[in-house]
Amino acid sequence: MLSMSFWQSQGATLPMAAIGVGVAFQELARYGFFVLYAKSEKGLSVISRVPNSPMNRPEHAFVAGFGFGLISGLTMYITQLAESWGPGVILCNSCPSVDVFFVSAMQTCVFIFLHIVWTMVMFDGFLTRQWWKPVYVVLTHYGASFSTLLVPSTIMGGCAISIAICAAILMVTTFIAVRPVFKIIKGV
């Protein structure tokens, strides 16, 4: 909500600053969510189907990331839908043959999945004290967010480049997120 308020007040004039502040707010919220999770982990494990399962932490991180991604995605796309009210089609500057709302829908989907795996990676990093993981999450979040500036740009194919960058980050981050899960499965 804070990042959205900042975006509404400064986004049109200072998009890079708005993205910088927005990502910082989101990552602070993700950290706050982890702190809340860490305090409630014992209770969550008790009500779990298998209370002592090593899969509880990855499952909880996945669910937290899904909630985080869904709220972020709704916030991201609802503003686009509100602008689409009325007749006509708004074409994307960087990809003139593509509707801007289609590009926004694709980016929103990718960002929802990114939030899921970012949360899994960040939670695992904090729980295992692998500090490079939270740093990786913050840096890739900035990278993916700044890549969205290619969509309204005049760079030909900017929308495709932006989605490709986000998809590449998604693939690498998914690998990092599921690797601990496979280690648990292998060890069980």
N, C-alpha and C. Protein backbone atom coordinates (compact mmCIF):
# COMPACT_ATOMS: atom_id res chain seq x y z
N MET A 1 0.82 -1.18 0.00
CA MET A 1 0.00 0.00 0.00
C MET A 1 0.88 1.26 0.00
N LEU A 2 1.96 1.22 0.78
CA LEU A 2 2.86 2.37 0.81
C LEU A 2 3.52 2.60 -0.55
N SER A 3 3.95 1.50 -1.18
CA SER A 3 4.61 1.67 -2.48
C SER A 3 3.62 2.16 -3.53
N MET A 4 2.36 1.70 -3.44
CA MET A 4 1.35 2.15 -4.38
C MET A 4 1.06 3.64 -4.20
N SER A 5 1.02 4.09 -2.94
CA SER A 5 0.80 5.51 -2.67
C SER A 5 1.95 6.35 -3.22
N PHE A 6 3.17 5.87 -3.03
CA PHE A 6 4.32 6.59 -3.56
C PHE A 6 4.28 6.61 -5.08
N TRP A 7 3.90 5.49 -5.68
CA TRP A 7 3.82 5.40 -7.14
C TRP A 7 2.79 6.39 -7.67
N GLN A 8 1.63 6.46 -7.02
CA GLN A 8 0.58 7.37 -7.48
C GLN A 8 1.03 8.82 -7.37
N SER A 9 1.85 9.13 -6.36
CA SER A 9 2.26 10.52 -6.18
C SER A 9 3.48 10.90 -7.03
N GLN A 10 4.38 9.96 -7.28
CA GLN A 10 5.63 10.28 -7.96
C GLN A 10 5.90 9.46 -9.22
N GLY A 11 5.15 8.39 -9.44
CA GLY A 11 5.46 7.44 -10.51
C GLY A 11 5.54 8.03 -11.90
N ALA A 12 4.64 8.92 -12.23
CA ALA A 12 4.64 9.47 -13.58
C ALA A 12 5.84 10.38 -13.83
N THR A 13 6.28 11.09 -12.79
CA THR A 13 7.39 12.01 -12.98
C THR A 13 8.75 11.37 -12.73
N LEU A 14 8.80 10.44 -11.78
CA LEU A 14 10.07 9.80 -11.41
C LEU A 14 9.91 8.27 -11.36
N PRO A 15 9.73 7.62 -12.50
CA PRO A 15 9.45 6.18 -12.46
C PRO A 15 10.58 5.35 -11.84
N MET A 16 11.84 5.73 -12.07
CA MET A 16 12.94 4.94 -11.50
C MET A 16 12.95 5.06 -9.98
N ALA A 17 12.71 6.26 -9.47
CA ALA A 17 12.66 6.45 -8.02
C ALA A 17 11.47 5.71 -7.42
N ALA A 18 10.34 5.76 -8.12
CA ALA A 18 9.14 5.07 -7.63
C ALA A 18 9.36 3.56 -7.59
N ILE A 19 10.03 3.02 -8.61
CA ILE A 19 10.33 1.59 -8.61
C ILE A 19 11.30 1.26 -7.48
N GLY A 20 12.32 2.10 -7.31
CA GLY A 20 13.29 1.86 -6.23
C GLY A 20 12.64 1.84 -4.87
N VAL A 21 11.79 2.81 -4.60
CA VAL A 21 11.10 2.87 -3.31
C VAL A 21 10.09 1.72 -3.19
N GLY A 22 9.38 1.43 -4.26
CA GLY A 22 8.39 0.36 -4.24
C GLY A 22 9.00 -1.00 -3.95
N VAL A 23 10.11 -1.30 -4.59
CA VAL A 23 10.79 -2.58 -4.34
C VAL A 23 11.31 -2.63 -2.90
N ALA A 24 11.85 -1.52 -2.43
CA ALA A 24 12.33 -1.48 -1.04
C ALA A 24 11.19 -1.76 -0.06
N PHE A 25 10.03 -1.12 -0.28
CA PHE A 25 8.87 -1.37 0.59
C PHE A 25 8.44 -2.83 0.51
N GLN A 26 8.40 -3.39 -0.69
CA GLN A 26 7.97 -4.78 -0.83
C GLN A 26 8.94 -5.74 -0.15
N GLU A 27 10.23 -5.49 -0.28
CA GLU A 27 11.20 -6.39 0.35
C GLU A 27 11.19 -6.24 1.88
N LEU A 28 10.95 -5.04 2.37
CA LEU A 28 10.78 -4.87 3.82
C LEU A 28 9.53 -5.60 4.30
N ALA A 29 8.47 -5.55 3.52
CA ALA A 29 7.25 -6.29 3.87
C ALA A 29 7.50 -7.79 3.84
N ARG A 30 8.28 -8.27 2.87
CA ARG A 30 8.60 -9.71 2.80
C ARG A 30 9.41 -10.12 4.03
N TYR A 31 10.36 -9.27 4.44
CA TYR A 31 11.14 -9.55 5.64
C TYR A 31 10.23 -9.55 6.88
N GLY A 32 9.34 -8.57 6.96
CA GLY A 32 8.38 -8.53 8.07
C GLY A 32 7.51 -9.77 8.10
N PHE A 33 7.13 -10.24 6.92
CA PHE A 33 6.33 -11.46 6.82
C PHE A 33 7.14 -12.66 7.32
N PHE A 34 8.44 -12.68 7.02
CA PHE A 34 9.29 -13.76 7.52
C PHE A 34 9.38 -13.71 9.05
N VAL A 35 9.55 -12.52 9.60
CA VAL A 35 9.63 -12.39 11.07
C VAL A 35 8.34 -12.90 11.70
N LEU A 36 7.21 -12.54 11.11
CA LEU A 36 5.92 -13.04 11.60
C LEU A 36 5.85 -14.56 11.49
N TYR A 37 6.30 -15.09 10.37
CA TYR A 37 6.31 -16.54 10.18
C TYR A 37 7.20 -17.22 11.22
N ALA A 38 8.39 -16.68 11.45
CA ALA A 38 9.32 -17.29 12.39
C ALA A 38 8.71 -17.36 13.79
N LYS A 39 7.94 -16.34 14.17
CA LYS A 39 7.30 -16.34 15.49
C LYS A 39 6.14 -17.33 15.57
N SER A 40 5.51 -17.60 14.44
CA SER A 40 4.34 -18.48 14.45
C SER A 40 4.62 -19.88 13.92
N GLU A 41 5.88 -20.17 13.58
CA GLU A 41 6.22 -21.45 12.95
C GLU A 41 5.82 -22.65 13.82
N LYS A 42 6.06 -22.56 15.09
CA LYS A 42 5.73 -23.67 15.98
C LYS A 42 4.23 -23.98 15.95
N GLY A 43 3.42 -22.95 16.02
CA GLY A 43 1.97 -23.13 15.97
C GLY A 43 1.50 -23.66 14.62
N LEU A 44 2.11 -23.18 13.55
CA LEU A 44 1.74 -23.66 12.22
C LEU A 44 2.10 -25.13 12.05
N SER A 45 3.23 -25.55 12.62
CA SER A 45 3.63 -26.95 12.53
C SER A 45 2.69 -27.85 13.31
N VAL A 46 2.18 -27.36 14.43
CA VAL A 46 1.26 -28.16 15.25
C VAL A 46 -0.03 -28.44 14.49
N ILE A 47 -0.56 -27.47 13.77
CA ILE A 47 -1.83 -27.68 13.06
C ILE A 47 -1.62 -28.30 11.68
N SER A 48 -0.39 -28.54 11.31
CA SER A 48 -0.07 -29.15 10.03
C SER A 48 -0.47 -30.62 10.03
N ARG A 49 -0.72 -31.19 8.84
CA ARG A 49 -1.06 -32.61 8.74
C ARG A 49 0.03 -33.50 9.31
N VAL A 50 1.28 -33.17 9.02
CA VAL A 50 2.43 -33.91 9.54
C VAL A 50 3.28 -32.90 10.30
N PRO A 51 3.09 -32.81 11.63
CA PRO A 51 3.72 -31.73 12.40
C PRO A 51 5.25 -31.64 12.31
N ASN A 52 5.96 -32.74 12.20
CA ASN A 52 7.42 -32.70 12.19
C ASN A 52 8.02 -32.90 10.80
N SER A 53 7.23 -32.67 9.78
CA SER A 53 7.70 -32.88 8.41
C SER A 53 8.74 -31.83 8.02
N PRO A 54 9.83 -32.26 7.39
CA PRO A 54 10.81 -31.28 6.90
C PRO A 54 10.26 -30.45 5.73
N MET A 55 9.11 -30.86 5.18
CA MET A 55 8.51 -30.13 4.07
C MET A 55 7.65 -28.96 4.54
N ASN A 56 7.44 -28.82 5.86
CA ASN A 56 6.59 -27.74 6.36
C ASN A 56 7.13 -26.36 5.99
N ARG A 57 8.42 -26.16 6.19
CA ARG A 57 8.98 -24.83 5.89
C ARG A 57 8.86 -24.45 4.42
N PRO A 58 9.24 -25.34 3.49
CA PRO A 58 9.03 -24.97 2.07
C PRO A 58 7.56 -24.75 1.71
N GLU A 59 6.67 -25.56 2.31
CA GLU A 59 5.24 -25.39 2.04
C GLU A 59 4.75 -24.04 2.55
N HIS A 60 5.14 -23.70 3.77
CA HIS A 60 4.73 -22.42 4.33
C HIS A 60 5.28 -21.25 3.52
N ALA A 61 6.53 -21.37 3.07
CA ALA A 61 7.13 -20.31 2.26
C ALA A 61 6.41 -20.19 0.92
N PHE A 62 6.03 -21.32 0.33
CA PHE A 62 5.30 -21.30 -0.94
C PHE A 62 3.96 -20.59 -0.77
N VAL A 63 3.24 -20.96 0.28
CA VAL A 63 1.92 -20.36 0.52
C VAL A 63 2.06 -18.86 0.80
N ALA A 64 3.06 -18.49 1.59
CA ALA A 64 3.30 -17.06 1.87
C ALA A 64 3.62 -16.32 0.58
N GLY A 65 4.46 -16.92 -0.27
CA GLY A 65 4.81 -16.30 -1.54
C GLY A 65 3.62 -16.19 -2.47
N PHE A 66 2.75 -17.20 -2.45
CA PHE A 66 1.55 -17.16 -3.28
C PHE A 66 0.66 -16.00 -2.86
N GLY A 67 0.47 -15.85 -1.55
CA GLY A 67 -0.34 -14.74 -1.05
C GLY A 67 0.28 -13.39 -1.39
N PHE A 68 1.59 -13.30 -1.20
CA PHE A 68 2.32 -12.07 -1.50
C PHE A 68 2.21 -11.75 -2.99
N GLY A 69 2.42 -12.76 -3.82
CA GLY A 69 2.36 -12.57 -5.27
C GLY A 69 0.96 -12.22 -5.75
N LEU A 70 -0.05 -12.87 -5.17
CA LEU A 70 -1.42 -12.60 -5.58
C LEU A 70 -1.83 -11.17 -5.25
N ILE A 71 -1.51 -10.72 -4.05
CA ILE A 71 -1.84 -9.34 -3.68
C ILE A 71 -1.07 -8.35 -4.56
N SER A 72 0.20 -8.63 -4.79
CA SER A 72 1.01 -7.75 -5.64
C SER A 72 0.46 -7.74 -7.07
N GLY A 73 0.11 -8.92 -7.58
CA GLY A 73 -0.43 -9.01 -8.94
C GLY A 73 -1.76 -8.29 -9.09
N LEU A 74 -2.63 -8.44 -8.09
CA LEU A 74 -3.91 -7.74 -8.15
C LEU A 74 -3.70 -6.24 -8.15
N THR A 75 -2.81 -5.78 -7.28
CA THR A 75 -2.52 -4.35 -7.22
C THR A 75 -1.94 -3.86 -8.53
N MET A 76 -1.06 -4.66 -9.11
CA MET A 76 -0.39 -4.28 -10.35
C MET A 76 -1.38 -4.22 -11.53
N TYR A 77 -2.26 -5.20 -11.63
CA TYR A 77 -3.09 -5.31 -12.82
C TYR A 77 -4.40 -4.54 -12.71
N ILE A 78 -4.91 -4.36 -11.50
CA ILE A 78 -6.17 -3.63 -11.36
C ILE A 78 -6.01 -2.19 -11.83
N THR A 79 -4.86 -1.60 -11.56
CA THR A 79 -4.64 -0.23 -12.04
C THR A 79 -4.65 -0.19 -13.57
N GLN A 80 -4.10 -1.23 -14.20
CA GLN A 80 -4.12 -1.30 -15.67
C GLN A 80 -5.55 -1.47 -16.18
N LEU A 81 -6.32 -2.33 -15.50
CA LEU A 81 -7.70 -2.55 -15.94
C LEU A 81 -8.54 -1.28 -15.79
N ALA A 82 -8.29 -0.53 -14.73
CA ALA A 82 -9.03 0.72 -14.55
C ALA A 82 -8.77 1.69 -15.69
N GLU A 83 -7.54 1.70 -16.19
CA GLU A 83 -7.20 2.59 -17.31
C GLU A 83 -7.79 2.10 -18.63
N SER A 84 -8.16 0.83 -18.72
CA SER A 84 -8.65 0.28 -19.98
C SER A 84 -10.13 0.52 -20.21
N TRP A 85 -10.81 1.10 -19.25
CA TRP A 85 -12.24 1.31 -19.36
C TRP A 85 -12.54 2.23 -20.54
N GLY A 86 -13.37 1.76 -21.42
CA GLY A 86 -13.76 2.57 -22.57
C GLY A 86 -13.42 1.89 -23.88
N PRO A 87 -13.82 2.48 -24.97
CA PRO A 87 -13.57 1.87 -26.29
C PRO A 87 -12.14 2.10 -26.75
N GLY A 88 -11.71 1.27 -27.64
CA GLY A 88 -10.40 1.43 -28.26
C GLY A 88 -9.35 0.51 -27.68
N VAL A 89 -8.23 0.51 -28.35
CA VAL A 89 -7.10 -0.32 -27.96
C VAL A 89 -5.89 0.59 -27.78
N ILE A 90 -5.15 0.37 -26.71
CA ILE A 90 -3.92 1.12 -26.49
C ILE A 90 -2.76 0.20 -26.83
N LEU A 91 -2.00 0.59 -27.84
CA LEU A 91 -0.88 -0.23 -28.27
C LEU A 91 0.37 0.14 -27.48
N CYS A 92 1.22 -0.83 -27.32
CA CYS A 92 2.47 -0.68 -26.57
C CYS A 92 3.48 0.11 -27.42
N ASN A 93 4.15 1.09 -26.82
CA ASN A 93 5.13 1.89 -27.57
C ASN A 93 6.26 1.04 -28.13
N SER A 94 6.79 0.12 -27.32
CA SER A 94 7.96 -0.65 -27.74
C SER A 94 7.60 -1.83 -28.64
N CYS A 95 6.36 -2.26 -28.61
CA CYS A 95 5.87 -3.34 -29.48
C CYS A 95 4.53 -2.87 -30.07
N PRO A 96 4.57 -2.08 -31.12
CA PRO A 96 3.36 -1.43 -31.63
C PRO A 96 2.24 -2.36 -32.10
N SER A 97 2.53 -3.62 -32.28
CA SER A 97 1.47 -4.54 -32.72
C SER A 97 0.82 -5.27 -31.55
N VAL A 98 1.22 -4.93 -30.31
CA VAL A 98 0.71 -5.64 -29.14
C VAL A 98 -0.03 -4.66 -28.24
N ASP A 99 -1.17 -5.11 -27.74
CA ASP A 99 -1.97 -4.33 -26.80
C ASP A 99 -1.23 -4.22 -25.46
N VAL A 100 -1.20 -3.02 -24.89
CA VAL A 100 -0.46 -2.78 -23.64
C VAL A 100 -1.05 -3.61 -22.48
N PHE A 101 -2.35 -3.91 -22.53
CA PHE A 101 -2.97 -4.68 -21.46
C PHE A 101 -2.57 -6.16 -21.53
N PHE A 102 -2.32 -6.66 -22.72
CA PHE A 102 -1.80 -8.02 -22.86
C PHE A 102 -0.40 -8.12 -22.28
N VAL A 103 0.45 -7.14 -22.58
CA VAL A 103 1.81 -7.11 -22.03
C VAL A 103 1.76 -7.03 -20.51
N SER A 104 0.86 -6.18 -20.00
CA SER A 104 0.73 -6.05 -18.54
C SER A 104 0.24 -7.35 -17.91
N ALA A 105 -0.66 -8.04 -18.57
CA ALA A 105 -1.14 -9.32 -18.05
C ALA A 105 -0.01 -10.34 -18.00
N MET A 106 0.81 -10.38 -19.04
CA MET A 106 1.94 -11.31 -19.06
C MET A 106 2.93 -10.98 -17.95
N GLN A 107 3.24 -9.71 -17.79
CA GLN A 107 4.17 -9.31 -16.73
C GLN A 107 3.61 -9.60 -15.36
N THR A 108 2.32 -9.37 -15.18
CA THR A 108 1.70 -9.65 -13.89
C THR A 108 1.80 -11.13 -13.56
N CYS A 109 1.54 -12.00 -14.53
CA CYS A 109 1.67 -13.46 -14.30
C CYS A 109 3.09 -13.82 -13.90
N VAL A 110 4.06 -13.30 -14.62
CA VAL A 110 5.45 -13.61 -14.31
C VAL A 110 5.81 -13.09 -12.91
N PHE A 111 5.36 -11.89 -12.57
CA PHE A 111 5.67 -11.34 -11.25
C PHE A 111 4.99 -12.11 -10.12
N ILE A 112 3.80 -12.65 -10.35
CA ILE A 112 3.17 -13.49 -9.32
C ILE A 112 4.05 -14.70 -9.05
N PHE A 113 4.50 -15.37 -10.11
CA PHE A 113 5.38 -16.53 -9.93
C PHE A 113 6.71 -16.12 -9.31
N LEU A 114 7.23 -14.96 -9.71
CA LEU A 114 8.48 -14.48 -9.12
C LEU A 114 8.33 -14.26 -7.61
N HIS A 115 7.22 -13.68 -7.19
CA HIS A 115 7.01 -13.46 -5.76
C HIS A 115 6.94 -14.78 -4.99
N ILE A 116 6.38 -15.80 -5.61
CA ILE A 116 6.33 -17.11 -4.95
C ILE A 116 7.75 -17.62 -4.72
N VAL A 117 8.55 -17.66 -5.77
CA VAL A 117 9.90 -18.22 -5.63
C VAL A 117 10.82 -17.29 -4.86
N TRP A 118 10.65 -15.97 -4.98
CA TRP A 118 11.45 -15.05 -4.18
C TRP A 118 11.21 -15.27 -2.69
N THR A 119 9.95 -15.48 -2.32
CA THR A 119 9.64 -15.72 -0.91
C THR A 119 10.24 -17.04 -0.45
N MET A 120 10.16 -18.07 -1.28
CA MET A 120 10.77 -19.35 -0.91
C MET A 120 12.27 -19.22 -0.72
N VAL A 121 12.93 -18.51 -1.62
CA VAL A 121 14.38 -18.33 -1.55
C VAL A 121 14.75 -17.49 -0.32
N MET A 122 14.01 -16.41 -0.10
CA MET A 122 14.34 -15.53 1.03
C MET A 122 14.12 -16.25 2.36
N PHE A 123 13.01 -16.95 2.51
CA PHE A 123 12.76 -17.68 3.75
C PHE A 123 13.85 -18.72 3.98
N ASP A 124 14.21 -19.46 2.94
CA ASP A 124 15.26 -20.46 3.08
C ASP A 124 16.60 -19.81 3.43
N GLY A 125 16.88 -18.69 2.84
CA GLY A 125 18.12 -17.98 3.14
C GLY A 125 18.19 -17.54 4.59
N PHE A 126 17.10 -17.01 5.10
CA PHE A 126 17.09 -16.59 6.50
C PHE A 126 17.16 -17.79 7.45
N LEU A 127 16.42 -18.85 7.12
CA LEU A 127 16.38 -20.01 8.01
C LEU A 127 17.69 -20.78 8.04
N THR A 128 18.41 -20.80 6.91
CA THR A 128 19.68 -21.54 6.86
C THR A 128 20.89 -20.62 6.98
N ARG A 129 20.63 -19.33 7.18
CA ARG A 129 21.68 -18.32 7.32
C ARG A 129 22.61 -18.25 6.10
N GLN A 130 22.01 -18.46 4.93
CA GLN A 130 22.72 -18.27 3.67
C GLN A 130 22.35 -16.88 3.18
N TRP A 131 23.12 -15.89 3.59
CA TRP A 131 22.76 -14.49 3.40
C TRP A 131 22.78 -14.06 1.93
N TRP A 132 23.45 -14.81 1.07
CA TRP A 132 23.45 -14.45 -0.34
C TRP A 132 22.06 -14.58 -0.95
N LYS A 133 21.21 -15.44 -0.37
CA LYS A 133 19.87 -15.64 -0.93
C LYS A 133 18.97 -14.41 -0.78
N PRO A 134 18.88 -13.81 0.43
CA PRO A 134 18.08 -12.58 0.50
C PRO A 134 18.66 -11.45 -0.37
N VAL A 135 19.98 -11.38 -0.44
CA VAL A 135 20.61 -10.35 -1.30
C VAL A 135 20.24 -10.62 -2.76
N TYR A 136 20.30 -11.88 -3.17
CA TYR A 136 19.92 -12.27 -4.53
C TYR A 136 18.47 -11.86 -4.82
N VAL A 137 17.58 -12.12 -3.85
CA VAL A 137 16.16 -11.79 -4.04
C VAL A 137 15.99 -10.28 -4.27
N VAL A 138 16.62 -9.49 -3.42
CA VAL A 138 16.48 -8.02 -3.55
C VAL A 138 17.05 -7.54 -4.89
N LEU A 139 18.22 -8.03 -5.26
CA LEU A 139 18.85 -7.58 -6.52
C LEU A 139 18.04 -8.00 -7.74
N THR A 140 17.55 -9.23 -7.76
CA THR A 140 16.77 -9.68 -8.91
C THR A 140 15.40 -9.00 -8.94
N HIS A 141 14.86 -8.66 -7.77
CA HIS A 141 13.60 -7.92 -7.74
C HIS A 141 13.79 -6.54 -8.37
N TYR A 142 14.91 -5.89 -8.02
CA TYR A 142 15.21 -4.61 -8.67
C TYR A 142 15.42 -4.79 -10.17
N GLY A 143 16.15 -5.82 -10.56
CA GLY A 143 16.40 -6.07 -11.99
C GLY A 143 15.12 -6.30 -12.77
N ALA A 144 14.24 -7.14 -12.23
CA ALA A 144 12.97 -7.43 -12.92
C ALA A 144 12.09 -6.18 -12.96
N SER A 145 12.07 -5.44 -11.87
CA SER A 145 11.22 -4.24 -11.83
C SER A 145 11.73 -3.15 -12.78
N PHE A 146 13.03 -2.93 -12.79
CA PHE A 146 13.57 -1.92 -13.70
C PHE A 146 13.43 -2.35 -15.16
N SER A 147 13.40 -3.66 -15.42
CA SER A 147 13.22 -4.11 -16.81
C SER A 147 11.84 -3.74 -17.35
N THR A 148 10.88 -3.52 -16.45
CA THR A 148 9.54 -3.14 -16.92
C THR A 148 9.53 -1.74 -17.54
N LEU A 149 10.57 -0.96 -17.28
CA LEU A 149 10.65 0.37 -17.91
C LEU A 149 10.87 0.27 -19.42
N LEU A 150 11.25 -0.91 -19.90
CA LEU A 150 11.42 -1.11 -21.34
C LEU A 150 10.09 -1.13 -22.08
N VAL A 151 9.01 -1.47 -21.37
CA VAL A 151 7.70 -1.59 -22.03
C VAL A 151 7.22 -0.25 -22.59
N PRO A 152 7.17 0.82 -21.81
CA PRO A 152 6.69 2.08 -22.39
C PRO A 152 7.76 2.83 -23.19
N SER A 153 8.96 2.28 -23.26
CA SER A 153 10.04 2.98 -23.96
C SER A 153 9.85 2.91 -25.48
N THR A 154 10.73 3.59 -26.18
CA THR A 154 10.67 3.56 -27.64
C THR A 154 11.65 2.54 -28.22
N ILE A 155 12.27 1.74 -27.37
CA ILE A 155 13.17 0.68 -27.83
C ILE A 155 12.33 -0.40 -28.49
N MET A 156 12.61 -0.68 -29.75
CA MET A 156 11.82 -1.65 -30.49
C MET A 156 11.96 -3.03 -29.84
N GLY A 157 10.84 -3.66 -29.54
CA GLY A 157 10.84 -4.97 -28.90
C GLY A 157 11.08 -4.90 -27.41
N GLY A 158 10.97 -3.72 -26.82
CA GLY A 158 11.22 -3.55 -25.39
C GLY A 158 10.31 -4.40 -24.52
N CYS A 159 9.05 -4.57 -24.96
CA CYS A 159 8.13 -5.39 -24.16
C CYS A 159 8.59 -6.85 -24.14
N ALA A 160 9.05 -7.36 -25.27
CA ALA A 160 9.53 -8.74 -25.33
C ALA A 160 10.82 -8.91 -24.53
N ILE A 161 11.70 -7.90 -24.61
CA ILE A 161 12.96 -7.96 -23.85
C ILE A 161 12.65 -7.97 -22.36
N SER A 162 11.72 -7.12 -21.93
CA SER A 162 11.34 -7.05 -20.52
C SER A 162 10.79 -8.39 -20.02
N ILE A 163 9.89 -8.97 -20.77
CA ILE A 163 9.31 -10.26 -20.37
C ILE A 163 10.38 -11.35 -20.40
N ALA A 164 11.29 -11.32 -21.36
CA ALA A 164 12.37 -12.31 -21.43
C ALA A 164 13.30 -12.19 -20.22
N ILE A 165 13.63 -10.95 -19.82
CA ILE A 165 14.48 -10.76 -18.64
C ILE A 165 13.78 -11.32 -17.40
N CYS A 166 12.52 -11.00 -17.24
CA CYS A 166 11.77 -11.50 -16.08
C CYS A 166 11.64 -13.03 -16.10
N ALA A 167 11.43 -13.59 -17.29
CA ALA A 167 11.32 -15.05 -17.40
C ALA A 167 12.65 -15.73 -17.08
N ALA A 168 13.75 -15.13 -17.50
CA ALA A 168 15.08 -15.69 -17.18
C ALA A 168 15.32 -15.65 -15.67
N ILE A 169 14.98 -14.52 -15.06
CA ILE A 169 15.11 -14.42 -13.59
C ILE A 169 14.22 -15.46 -12.92
N LEU A 170 13.02 -15.66 -13.45
CA LEU A 170 12.10 -16.65 -12.90
C LEU A 170 12.68 -18.06 -12.97
N MET A 171 13.29 -18.41 -14.10
CA MET A 171 13.85 -19.76 -14.25
C MET A 171 15.00 -20.00 -13.27
N VAL A 172 15.91 -19.04 -13.17
CA VAL A 172 17.05 -19.20 -12.25
C VAL A 172 16.57 -19.24 -10.81
N THR A 173 15.66 -18.35 -10.46
CA THR A 173 15.16 -18.30 -9.08
C THR A 173 14.36 -19.54 -8.73
N THR A 174 13.62 -20.07 -9.68
CA THR A 174 12.88 -21.32 -9.44
C THR A 174 13.85 -22.45 -9.13
N PHE A 175 14.94 -22.53 -9.87
CA PHE A 175 15.96 -23.55 -9.60
C PHE A 175 16.50 -23.39 -8.18
N ILE A 176 16.82 -22.16 -7.79
CA ILE A 176 17.34 -21.91 -6.45
C ILE A 176 16.29 -22.26 -5.39
N ALA A 177 15.02 -21.98 -5.67
CA ALA A 177 13.94 -22.22 -4.70
C ALA A 177 13.64 -23.70 -4.50
N VAL A 178 13.67 -24.49 -5.58
CA VAL A 178 13.28 -25.90 -5.45
C VAL A 178 14.44 -26.81 -5.08
N ARG A 179 15.64 -26.32 -5.20
CA ARG A 179 16.80 -27.15 -4.87
C ARG A 179 16.77 -27.67 -3.44
N PRO A 180 16.48 -26.83 -2.42
CA PRO A 180 16.38 -27.36 -1.06
C PRO A 180 15.25 -28.38 -0.89
N VAL A 181 14.16 -28.20 -1.64
CA VAL A 181 13.04 -29.14 -1.57
C VAL A 181 13.49 -30.51 -2.08
N PHE A 182 14.21 -30.53 -3.20
CA PHE A 182 14.70 -31.79 -3.72
C PHE A 182 15.70 -32.46 -2.77
N LYS A 183 16.50 -31.66 -2.07
CA LYS A 183 17.41 -32.22 -1.06
C LYS A 183 16.63 -32.88 0.07
N ILE A 184 15.52 -32.26 0.48
CA ILE A 184 14.67 -32.84 1.53
C ILE A 184 14.07 -34.15 1.04
N ILE A 185 13.54 -34.14 -0.17
CA ILE A 185 12.91 -35.34 -0.73
C ILE A 185 13.92 -36.46 -0.86
N LYS A 186 15.12 -36.12 -1.32
CA LYS A 186 16.18 -37.10 -1.48
C LYS A 186 16.61 -37.71 -0.15
N GLY A 187 16.61 -36.86 0.89
CA GLY A 187 17.05 -37.31 2.22
C GLY A 187 15.98 -38.08 2.98
N VAL A 188 14.71 -37.98 2.56
CA VAL A 188 13.63 -38.65 3.29
C VAL A 188 13.52 -40.08 2.94
